[in-house]
Amino acid sequence: MSRVSTKNWNKLAGETISILREHDPLPLSTRQIAAELVRDKEFCLRLLLFLKEKGYVTQRVKKNGAAYVRWCKWSLSDAARQRFG
């Protein structure tokens, strides 16, 4: 995998946040975000985990069921909604 500069990484993180803002309050899957960013799912997952660590996004888990490893949807955190809303 090619390396992404910090500048481009931050731009892609901002794009991810704007995609989630456009679809708020609906959570989006990693696959849907990857399609909008025109990137592969693994790259987008790394980007989303980075944003989760920073507190900008939250990972939704399926209610009334087992914790599915492959099923994850993402939405903006409450703090990010206030900050970017």
PDB file of N, CA and C in Angstrom:
ATOM      1  N   MET A   1       0.845  -1.172   0.000  1.00  0.00           N
ATOM      2  CA  MET A   1       0.000   0.000   0.000  1.00  0.00           C
ATOM      3  C   MET A   1       0.891   1.236   0.000  1.00  0.00           C
ATOM      4  N   SER A   2       0.535   2.187  -0.812  1.00  0.00           N
ATOM      5  CA  SER A   2       1.320   3.408  -0.874  1.00  0.00           C
ATOM      6  C   SER A   2       1.077   4.261   0.368  1.00  0.00           C
ATOM      7  N   ARG A   3       2.079   5.038   0.694  1.00  0.00           N
ATOM      8  CA  ARG A   3       1.977   5.887   1.869  1.00  0.00           C
ATOM      9  C   ARG A   3       1.212   7.158   1.534  1.00  0.00           C
ATOM     10  N   VAL A   4       0.453   7.631   2.494  1.00  0.00           N
ATOM     11  CA  VAL A   4      -0.326   8.849   2.332  1.00  0.00           C
ATOM     12  C   VAL A   4       0.289   9.899   3.253  1.00  0.00           C
ATOM     13  N   SER A   5       0.519  11.073   2.718  1.00  0.00           N
ATOM     14  CA  SER A   5       1.111  12.130   3.531  1.00  0.00           C
ATOM     15  C   SER A   5       0.125  12.580   4.609  1.00  0.00           C
ATOM     16  N   THR A   6       0.640  13.199   5.628  1.00  0.00           N
ATOM     17  CA  THR A   6      -0.191  13.686   6.729  1.00  0.00           C
ATOM     18  C   THR A   6      -1.199  14.709   6.228  1.00  0.00           C
ATOM     19  N   LYS A   7      -0.767  15.539   5.317  1.00  0.00           N
ATOM     20  CA  LYS A   7      -1.656  16.563   4.751  1.00  0.00           C
ATOM     21  C   LYS A   7      -2.841  15.906   4.044  1.00  0.00           C
ATOM     22  N   ASN A   8      -2.576  14.910   3.205  1.00  0.00           N
ATOM     23  CA  ASN A   8      -3.654  14.222   2.487  1.00  0.00           C
ATOM     24  C   ASN A   8      -4.501  13.390   3.432  1.00  0.00           C
ATOM     25  N   TRP A   9      -3.882  12.795   4.441  1.00  0.00           N
ATOM     26  CA  TRP A   9      -4.630  12.014   5.437  1.00  0.00           C
ATOM     27  C   TRP A   9      -5.652  12.912   6.138  1.00  0.00           C
ATOM     28  N   ASN A  10      -5.231  14.102   6.527  1.00  0.00           N
ATOM     29  CA  ASN A  10      -6.144  15.035   7.194  1.00  0.00           C
ATOM     30  C   ASN A  10      -7.252  15.509   6.255  1.00  0.00           C
ATOM     31  N   LYS A  11      -6.937  15.693   4.978  1.00  0.00           N
ATOM     32  CA  LYS A  11      -7.966  16.068   4.011  1.00  0.00           C
ATOM     33  C   LYS A  11      -8.995  14.956   3.863  1.00  0.00           C
ATOM     34  N   LEU A  12      -8.532  13.722   3.812  1.00  0.00           N
ATOM     35  CA  LEU A  12      -9.446  12.592   3.691  1.00  0.00           C
ATOM     36  C   LEU A  12     -10.285  12.421   4.958  1.00  0.00           C
ATOM     37  N   ALA A  13      -9.691  12.706   6.106  1.00  0.00           N
ATOM     38  CA  ALA A  13     -10.451  12.653   7.353  1.00  0.00           C
ATOM     39  C   ALA A  13     -11.552  13.709   7.342  1.00  0.00           C
ATOM     40  N   GLY A  14     -11.237  14.896   6.863  1.00  0.00           N
ATOM     41  CA  GLY A  14     -12.245  15.949   6.745  1.00  0.00           C
ATOM     42  C   GLY A  14     -13.342  15.583   5.765  1.00  0.00           C
ATOM     43  N   GLU A  15     -12.970  14.951   4.654  1.00  0.00           N
ATOM     44  CA  GLU A  15     -13.963  14.492   3.686  1.00  0.00           C
ATOM     45  C   GLU A  15     -14.885  13.454   4.306  1.00  0.00           C
ATOM     46  N   THR A  16     -14.324  12.568   5.114  1.00  0.00           N
ATOM     47  CA  THR A  16     -15.122  11.536   5.775  1.00  0.00           C
ATOM     48  C   THR A  16     -16.122  12.166   6.727  1.00  0.00           C
ATOM     49  N   ILE A  17     -15.685  13.153   7.472  1.00  0.00           N
ATOM     50  CA  ILE A  17     -16.586  13.841   8.392  1.00  0.00           C
ATOM     51  C   ILE A  17     -17.692  14.553   7.609  1.00  0.00           C
ATOM     52  N   SER A  18     -17.351  15.156   6.485  1.00  0.00           N
ATOM     53  CA  SER A  18     -18.388  15.848   5.701  1.00  0.00           C
ATOM     54  C   SER A  18     -19.381  14.861   5.097  1.00  0.00           C
ATOM     55  N   ILE A  19     -18.929  13.684   4.707  1.00  0.00           N
ATOM     56  CA  ILE A  19     -19.841  12.657   4.202  1.00  0.00           C
ATOM     57  C   ILE A  19     -20.807  12.235   5.293  1.00  0.00           C
ATOM     58  N   LEU A  20     -20.295  12.031   6.494  1.00  0.00           N
ATOM     59  CA  LEU A  20     -21.162  11.645   7.602  1.00  0.00           C
ATOM     60  C   LEU A  20     -22.129  12.773   7.965  1.00  0.00           C
ATOM     61  N   ARG A  21     -21.685  14.030   7.836  1.00  0.00           N
ATOM     62  CA  ARG A  21     -22.577  15.168   8.110  1.00  0.00           C
ATOM     63  C   ARG A  21     -23.705  15.247   7.104  1.00  0.00           C
ATOM     64  N   GLU A  22     -23.409  14.950   5.844  1.00  0.00           N
ATOM     65  CA  GLU A  22     -24.436  15.000   4.802  1.00  0.00           C
ATOM     66  C   GLU A  22     -25.554  14.002   5.064  1.00  0.00           C
ATOM     67  N   HIS A  23     -25.201  12.847   5.610  1.00  0.00           N
ATOM     68  CA  HIS A  23     -26.175  11.785   5.816  1.00  0.00           C
ATOM     69  C   HIS A  23     -26.675  11.702   7.260  1.00  0.00           C
ATOM     70  N   ASP A  24     -26.288  12.639   8.092  1.00  0.00           N
ATOM     71  CA  ASP A  24     -26.687  12.630   9.501  1.00  0.00           C
ATOM     72  C   ASP A  24     -28.198  12.739   9.605  1.00  0.00           C
ATOM     73  N   PRO A  25     -28.885  12.009  10.370  1.00  0.00           N
ATOM     74  CA  PRO A  25     -28.538  11.116  11.470  1.00  0.00           C
ATOM     75  C   PRO A  25     -28.405   9.648  11.069  1.00  0.00           C
ATOM     76  N   LEU A  26     -28.471   9.341   9.777  1.00  0.00           N
ATOM     77  CA  LEU A  26     -28.343   7.951   9.353  1.00  0.00           C
ATOM     78  C   LEU A  26     -26.896   7.479   9.465  1.00  0.00           C
ATOM     79  N   PRO A  27     -26.670   6.337  10.094  1.00  0.00           N
ATOM     80  CA  PRO A  27     -25.312   5.796  10.123  1.00  0.00           C
ATOM     81  C   PRO A  27     -24.970   5.159   8.776  1.00  0.00           C
ATOM     82  N   LEU A  28     -23.720   5.248   8.381  1.00  0.00           N
ATOM     83  CA  LEU A  28     -23.262   4.686   7.113  1.00  0.00           C
ATOM     84  C   LEU A  28     -22.301   3.537   7.375  1.00  0.00           C
ATOM     85  N   SER A  29     -22.323   2.564   6.499  1.00  0.00           N
ATOM     86  CA  SER A  29     -21.390   1.456   6.615  1.00  0.00           C
ATOM     87  C   SER A  29     -20.035   1.874   6.049  1.00  0.00           C
ATOM     88  N   THR A  30     -19.029   1.112   6.377  1.00  0.00           N
ATOM     89  CA  THR A  30     -17.697   1.384   5.851  1.00  0.00           C
ATOM     90  C   THR A  30     -17.706   1.308   4.333  1.00  0.00           C
ATOM     91  N   ARG A  31     -18.457   0.372   3.790  1.00  0.00           N
ATOM     92  CA  ARG A  31     -18.539   0.202   2.343  1.00  0.00           C
ATOM     93  C   ARG A  31     -19.151   1.438   1.687  1.00  0.00           C
ATOM     94  N   GLN A  32     -20.182   2.016   2.286  1.00  0.00           N
ATOM     95  CA  GLN A  32     -20.808   3.205   1.711  1.00  0.00           C
ATOM     96  C   GLN A  32     -19.864   4.398   1.742  1.00  0.00           C
ATOM     97  N   ILE A  33     -19.130   4.539   2.826  1.00  0.00           N
ATOM     98  CA  ILE A  33     -18.172   5.643   2.935  1.00  0.00           C
ATOM     99  C   ILE A  33     -17.047   5.457   1.928  1.00  0.00           C
ATOM    100  N   ALA A  34     -16.580   4.220   1.773  1.00  0.00           N
ATOM    101  CA  ALA A  34     -15.513   3.935   0.808  1.00  0.00           C
ATOM    102  C   ALA A  34     -15.966   4.260  -0.617  1.00  0.00           C
ATOM    103  N   ALA A  35     -17.217   3.983  -0.923  1.00  0.00           N
ATOM    104  CA  ALA A  35     -17.727   4.293  -2.267  1.00  0.00           C
ATOM    105  C   ALA A  35     -17.763   5.797  -2.507  1.00  0.00           C
ATOM    106  N   GLU A  36     -18.112   6.569  -1.484  1.00  0.00           N
ATOM    107  CA  GLU A  36     -18.156   8.029  -1.641  1.00  0.00           C
ATOM    108  C   GLU A  36     -16.752   8.634  -1.729  1.00  0.00           C
ATOM    109  N   LEU A  37     -15.796   8.047  -0.995  1.00  0.00           N
ATOM    110  CA  LEU A  37     -14.421   8.552  -1.025  1.00  0.00           C
ATOM    111  C   LEU A  37     -13.618   8.000  -2.201  1.00  0.00           C
ATOM    112  N   VAL A  38     -14.145   7.002  -2.874  1.00  0.00           N
ATOM    113  CA  VAL A  38     -13.464   6.290  -3.950  1.00  0.00           C
ATOM    114  C   VAL A  38     -12.137   5.733  -3.431  1.00  0.00           C
ATOM    115  N   ARG A  39     -12.233   5.032  -2.333  1.00  0.00           N
ATOM    116  CA  ARG A  39     -11.101   4.347  -1.710  1.00  0.00           C
ATOM    117  C   ARG A  39     -11.534   2.939  -1.341  1.00  0.00           C
ATOM    118  N   ASP A  40     -10.574   2.077  -1.036  1.00  0.00           N
ATOM    119  CA  ASP A  40     -10.941   0.721  -0.653  1.00  0.00           C
ATOM    120  C   ASP A  40     -11.413   0.675   0.798  1.00  0.00           C
ATOM    121  N   LYS A  41     -12.129  -0.391   1.142  1.00  0.00           N
ATOM    122  CA  LYS A  41     -12.761  -0.500   2.461  1.00  0.00           C
ATOM    123  C   LYS A  41     -11.735  -0.541   3.590  1.00  0.00           C
ATOM    124  N   GLU A  42     -10.615  -1.220   3.378  1.00  0.00           N
ATOM    125  CA  GLU A  42      -9.607  -1.328   4.426  1.00  0.00           C
ATOM    126  C   GLU A  42      -9.004   0.032   4.761  1.00  0.00           C
ATOM    127  N   PHE A  43      -8.759   0.837   3.738  1.00  0.00           N
ATOM    128  CA  PHE A  43      -8.230   2.179   3.957  1.00  0.00           C
ATOM    129  C   PHE A  43      -9.237   3.020   4.737  1.00  0.00           C
ATOM    130  N   CYS A  44     -10.503   2.935   4.335  1.00  0.00           N
ATOM    131  CA  CYS A  44     -11.544   3.709   5.015  1.00  0.00           C
ATOM    132  C   CYS A  44     -11.732   3.245   6.451  1.00  0.00           C
ATOM    133  N   LEU A  45     -11.583   1.951   6.688  1.00  0.00           N
ATOM    134  CA  LEU A  45     -11.686   1.450   8.056  1.00  0.00           C
ATOM    135  C   LEU A  45     -10.578   2.025   8.921  1.00  0.00           C
ATOM    136  N   ARG A  46      -9.361   2.078   8.390  1.00  0.00           N
ATOM    137  CA  ARG A  46      -8.251   2.692   9.144  1.00  0.00           C
ATOM    138  C   ARG A  46      -8.538   4.159   9.432  1.00  0.00           C
ATOM    139  N   LEU A  47      -9.081   4.848   8.453  1.00  0.00           N
ATOM    140  CA  LEU A  47      -9.421   6.265   8.602  1.00  0.00           C
ATOM    141  C   LEU A  47     -10.512   6.449   9.649  1.00  0.00           C
ATOM    142  N   LEU A  48     -11.528   5.600   9.627  1.00  0.00           N
ATOM    143  CA  LEU A  48     -12.625   5.690  10.595  1.00  0.00           C
ATOM    144  C   LEU A  48     -12.164   5.340  12.003  1.00  0.00           C
ATOM    145  N   LEU A  49     -11.282   4.368  12.126  1.00  0.00           N
ATOM    146  CA  LEU A  49     -10.749   4.035  13.452  1.00  0.00           C
ATOM    147  C   LEU A  49      -9.901   5.177  14.005  1.00  0.00           C
ATOM    148  N   PHE A  50      -9.178   5.868  13.120  1.00  0.00           N
ATOM    149  CA  PHE A  50      -8.423   7.059  13.518  1.00  0.00           C
ATOM    150  C   PHE A  50      -9.372   8.145  14.030  1.00  0.00           C
ATOM    151  N   LEU A  51     -10.472   8.364  13.302  1.00  0.00           N
ATOM    152  CA  LEU A  51     -11.441   9.383  13.715  1.00  0.00           C
ATOM    153  C   LEU A  51     -12.169   8.977  14.997  1.00  0.00           C
ATOM    154  N   LYS A  52     -12.375   7.685  15.190  1.00  0.00           N
ATOM    155  CA  LYS A  52     -12.994   7.199  16.422  1.00  0.00           C
ATOM    156  C   LYS A  52     -12.075   7.456  17.608  1.00  0.00           C
ATOM    157  N   GLU A  53     -10.784   7.229  17.402  1.00  0.00           N
ATOM    158  CA  GLU A  53      -9.792   7.484  18.445  1.00  0.00           C
ATOM    159  C   GLU A  53      -9.764   8.956  18.832  1.00  0.00           C
ATOM    160  N   LYS A  54      -9.956   9.837  17.856  1.00  0.00           N
ATOM    161  CA  LYS A  54      -9.971  11.285  18.106  1.00  0.00           C
ATOM    162  C   LYS A  54     -11.298  11.770  18.678  1.00  0.00           C
ATOM    163  N   GLY A  55     -12.335  10.906  18.630  1.00  0.00           N
ATOM    164  CA  GLY A  55     -13.617  11.274  19.212  1.00  0.00           C
ATOM    165  C   GLY A  55     -14.590  11.934  18.252  1.00  0.00           C
ATOM    166  N   TYR A  56     -14.326  11.849  16.950  1.00  0.00           N
ATOM    167  CA  TYR A  56     -15.198  12.485  15.976  1.00  0.00           C
ATOM    168  C   TYR A  56     -16.327  11.586  15.500  1.00  0.00           C
ATOM    169  N   VAL A  57     -16.114  10.302  15.483  1.00  0.00           N
ATOM    170  CA  VAL A  57     -17.145   9.372  15.013  1.00  0.00           C
ATOM    171  C   VAL A  57     -17.387   8.297  16.073  1.00  0.00           C
ATOM    172  N   THR A  58     -18.560   7.700  15.992  1.00  0.00           N
ATOM    173  CA  THR A  58     -18.882   6.574  16.868  1.00  0.00           C
ATOM    174  C   THR A  58     -19.249   5.388  15.995  1.00  0.00           C
ATOM    175  N   GLN A  59     -18.913   4.232  16.507  1.00  0.00           N
ATOM    176  CA  GLN A  59     -19.209   2.998  15.797  1.00  0.00           C
ATOM    177  C   GLN A  59     -20.503   2.431  16.352  1.00  0.00           C
ATOM    178  N   ARG A  60     -21.450   2.178  15.474  1.00  0.00           N
ATOM    179  CA  ARG A  60     -22.741   1.627  15.884  1.00  0.00           C
ATOM    180  C   ARG A  60     -22.662   0.119  15.838  1.00  0.00           C
ATOM    181  N   VAL A  61     -23.264  -0.515  16.815  1.00  0.00           N
ATOM    182  CA  VAL A  61     -23.332  -1.974  16.819  1.00  0.00           C
ATOM    183  C   VAL A  61     -24.791  -2.378  16.700  1.00  0.00           C
ATOM    184  N   LYS A  62     -25.010  -3.557  16.226  1.00  0.00           N
ATOM    185  CA  LYS A  62     -26.357  -4.038  15.987  1.00  0.00           C
ATOM    186  C   LYS A  62     -27.036  -4.347  17.315  1.00  0.00           C
ATOM    187  N   LYS A  63     -28.248  -3.844  17.487  1.00  0.00           N
ATOM    188  CA  LYS A  63     -29.013  -4.109  18.694  1.00  0.00           C
ATOM    189  C   LYS A  63     -29.675  -5.480  18.572  1.00  0.00           C
ATOM    190  N   ASN A  64     -29.979  -6.076  19.709  1.00  0.00           N
ATOM    191  CA  ASN A  64     -30.684  -7.365  19.758  1.00  0.00           C
ATOM    192  C   ASN A  64     -29.983  -8.446  18.948  1.00  0.00           C
ATOM    193  N   GLY A  65     -28.713  -8.537  19.091  1.00  0.00           N
ATOM    194  CA  GLY A  65     -28.010  -9.573  18.364  1.00  0.00           C
ATOM    195  C   GLY A  65     -26.569  -9.672  18.820  1.00  0.00           C
ATOM    196  N   ALA A  66     -25.892 -10.601  18.240  1.00  0.00           N
ATOM    197  CA  ALA A  66     -24.488 -10.788  18.578  1.00  0.00           C
ATOM    198  C   ALA A  66     -23.674  -9.619  18.046  1.00  0.00           C
ATOM    199  N   ALA A  67     -22.528  -9.439  18.615  1.00  0.00           N
ATOM    200  CA  ALA A  67     -21.628  -8.385  18.147  1.00  0.00           C
ATOM    201  C   ALA A  67     -20.986  -8.866  16.849  1.00  0.00           C
ATOM    202  N   TYR A  68     -21.508  -8.398  15.735  1.00  0.00           N
ATOM    203  CA  TYR A  68     -20.995  -8.814  14.448  1.00  0.00           C
ATOM    204  C   TYR A  68     -19.703  -8.081  14.149  1.00  0.00           C
ATOM    205  N   VAL A  69     -18.700  -8.824  13.753  1.00  0.00           N
ATOM    206  CA  VAL A  69     -17.417  -8.225  13.448  1.00  0.00           C
ATOM    207  C   VAL A  69     -17.491  -7.469  12.125  1.00  0.00           C
ATOM    208  N   ARG A  70     -18.188  -8.021  11.156  1.00  0.00           N
ATOM    209  CA  ARG A  70     -18.215  -7.432   9.822  1.00  0.00           C
ATOM    210  C   ARG A  70     -19.286  -6.364   9.670  1.00  0.00           C
ATOM    211  N   TRP A  71     -20.239  -6.307  10.568  1.00  0.00           N
ATOM    212  CA  TRP A  71     -21.320  -5.339  10.468  1.00  0.00           C
ATOM    213  C   TRP A  71     -20.992  -4.158  11.352  1.00  0.00           C
ATOM    214  N   CYS A  72     -20.589  -3.079  10.775  1.00  0.00           N
ATOM    215  CA  CYS A  72     -20.390  -1.880  11.577  1.00  0.00           C
ATOM    216  C   CYS A  72     -20.805  -0.672  10.750  1.00  0.00           C
ATOM    217  N   LYS A  73     -21.484   0.203  11.416  1.00  0.00           N
ATOM    218  CA  LYS A  73     -21.907   1.457  10.797  1.00  0.00           C
ATOM    219  C   LYS A  73     -21.355   2.595  11.632  1.00  0.00           C
ATOM    220  N   TRP A  74     -21.188   3.710  10.992  1.00  0.00           N
ATOM    221  CA  TRP A  74     -20.522   4.855  11.604  1.00  0.00           C
ATOM    222  C   TRP A  74     -21.414   6.080  11.534  1.00  0.00           C
ATOM    223  N   SER A  75     -21.329   6.902  12.576  1.00  0.00           N
ATOM    224  CA  SER A  75     -22.032   8.180  12.583  1.00  0.00           C
ATOM    225  C   SER A  75     -21.180   9.183  13.353  1.00  0.00           C
ATOM    226  N   LEU A  76     -21.551  10.440  13.249  1.00  0.00           N
ATOM    227  CA  LEU A  76     -20.827  11.480  13.970  1.00  0.00           C
ATOM    228  C   LEU A  76     -21.085  11.355  15.467  1.00  0.00           C
ATOM    229  N   SER A  77     -20.086  11.660  16.257  1.00  0.00           N
ATOM    230  CA  SER A  77     -20.281  11.689  17.701  1.00  0.00           C
ATOM    231  C   SER A  77     -21.029  12.960  18.071  1.00  0.00           C
ATOM    232  N   ASP A  78     -21.547  13.012  19.286  1.00  0.00           N
ATOM    233  CA  ASP A  78     -22.278  14.198  19.733  1.00  0.00           C
ATOM    234  C   ASP A  78     -21.381  15.434  19.752  1.00  0.00           C
ATOM    235  N   ALA A  79     -20.135  15.235  20.172  1.00  0.00           N
ATOM    236  CA  ALA A  79     -19.189  16.355  20.209  1.00  0.00           C
ATOM    237  C   ALA A  79     -18.909  16.882  18.794  1.00  0.00           C
ATOM    238  N   ALA A  80     -18.793  15.984  17.830  1.00  0.00           N
ATOM    239  CA  ALA A  80     -18.539  16.403  16.451  1.00  0.00           C
ATOM    240  C   ALA A  80     -19.757  17.107  15.866  1.00  0.00           C
ATOM    241  N   ARG A  81     -20.950  16.665  16.239  1.00  0.00           N
ATOM    242  CA  ARG A  81     -22.170  17.335  15.749  1.00  0.00           C
ATOM    243  C   ARG A  81     -22.200  18.778  16.236  1.00  0.00           C
ATOM    244  N   GLN A  82     -21.845  18.990  17.490  1.00  0.00           N
ATOM    245  CA  GLN A  82     -21.832  20.351  18.040  1.00  0.00           C
ATOM    246  C   GLN A  82     -20.742  21.183  17.401  1.00  0.00           C
ATOM    247  N   ARG A  83     -19.590  20.578  17.176  1.00  0.00           N
ATOM    248  CA  ARG A  83     -18.467  21.315  16.642  1.00  0.00           C
ATOM    249  C   ARG A  83     -18.628  21.658  15.156  1.00  0.00           C
ATOM    250  N   PHE A  84     -19.085  20.691  14.363  1.00  0.00           N
ATOM    251  CA  PHE A  84     -19.192  20.891  12.930  1.00  0.00           C
ATOM    252  C   PHE A  84     -20.615  21.187  12.462  1.00  0.00           C
ATOM    253  N   GLY A  85     -21.577  21.100  13.369  1.00  0.00           N
ATOM    254  CA  GLY A  85     -22.980  21.262  12.998  1.00  0.00           C
ATOM    255  C   GLY A  85     -23.313  22.652  12.655  1.00  0.00           C
TER     256      GLY A  85
END
